[in-house]
Amino acid sequence: MMLVLLALGLVLVVEGLVLALAPRRLEDMLMMLARMGPDQRRLIGLAALALGVLLLWLARGLGA
């Protein structure tokens, strides 16, 4: 349970940094995503998911 809270806290820190430091850039990225087709967004989401799983697997393998 502690690992889940740690992960959620890290996500909130990263999201908060993006909103605090580059809100205009975030708006630009959202407009870019809106112009993409659903299949392209799905592929980006799957790639992000795969990268996240890989990073978690590596972290667990390193003893985190």
Protein backbone atom coordinates (compact mmCIF):
# COMPACT_ATOMS: atom_id res chain seq x y z
CA MET A 1 0.00 0.00 0.00
CA MET A 2 2.88 2.34 0.74
CA LEU A 3 4.23 1.83 -2.77
CA VAL A 4 0.86 2.79 -4.27
CA LEU A 5 0.77 5.99 -2.21
CA LEU A 6 4.34 6.76 -3.24
CA ALA A 7 3.46 6.27 -6.92
CA LEU A 8 0.34 8.44 -6.67
CA GLY A 9 2.32 11.15 -4.89
CA LEU A 10 4.95 11.11 -7.63
CA VAL A 11 2.28 11.39 -10.33
CA LEU A 12 0.74 14.38 -8.55
CA VAL A 13 4.15 16.05 -8.21
CA VAL A 14 4.89 15.64 -11.92
CA GLU A 15 1.42 16.80 -12.96
CA GLY A 16 1.63 19.76 -10.60
CA LEU A 17 5.01 20.77 -11.98
CA VAL A 18 3.69 20.73 -15.54
CA LEU A 19 0.71 22.89 -14.59
CA ALA A 20 2.79 25.27 -12.47
CA LEU A 21 5.77 25.71 -14.80
CA ALA A 22 4.32 25.41 -18.30
CA PRO A 23 0.54 25.91 -18.40
CA ARG A 24 0.59 27.39 -21.92
CA ARG A 25 2.65 24.47 -23.25
CA LEU A 26 0.11 22.07 -21.74
CA GLU A 27 -2.68 23.88 -23.60
CA ASP A 28 -0.70 23.56 -26.84
CA MET A 29 -0.22 19.84 -26.27
CA LEU A 30 -3.93 19.35 -25.57
CA MET A 31 -4.82 21.13 -28.82
CA MET A 32 -2.32 18.92 -30.66
CA LEU A 33 -3.91 15.82 -29.13
CA ALA A 34 -7.36 17.06 -30.15
CA ARG A 35 -6.21 17.25 -33.79
CA MET A 36 -4.95 13.64 -33.73
CA GLY A 37 -7.17 10.75 -34.63
CA PRO A 38 -8.36 8.26 -32.02
CA ASP A 39 -6.07 5.52 -33.32
CA GLN A 40 -3.02 7.76 -33.02
CA ARG A 41 -3.97 8.77 -29.45
CA ARG A 42 -4.55 5.11 -28.60
CA LEU A 43 -1.08 4.20 -29.88
CA ILE A 44 0.50 6.98 -27.80
CA GLY A 45 -1.42 5.76 -24.75
CA LEU A 46 -0.31 2.18 -25.29
CA ALA A 47 3.31 3.27 -25.73
CA ALA A 48 3.13 5.28 -22.49
CA LEU A 49 1.57 2.30 -20.73
CA ALA A 50 4.30 -0.04 -21.98
CA LEU A 51 7.03 2.40 -20.93
CA GLY A 52 5.48 2.77 -17.49
CA VAL A 53 5.27 -0.99 -17.00
CA LEU A 54 8.88 -1.34 -18.13
CA LEU A 55 10.03 1.33 -15.67
CA LEU A 56 8.10 -0.33 -12.84
CA TRP A 57 9.58 -3.71 -13.75
CA LEU A 58 13.10 -2.22 -13.78
CA ALA A 59 12.53 -0.47 -10.44
CA ARG A 60 11.29 -3.68 -8.84
CA GLY A 61 14.27 -5.56 -10.27
CA LEU A 62 16.64 -3.02 -8.76
CA GLY A 63 15.09 -3.54 -5.35
CA ALA A 64 12.85 -0.50 -5.07
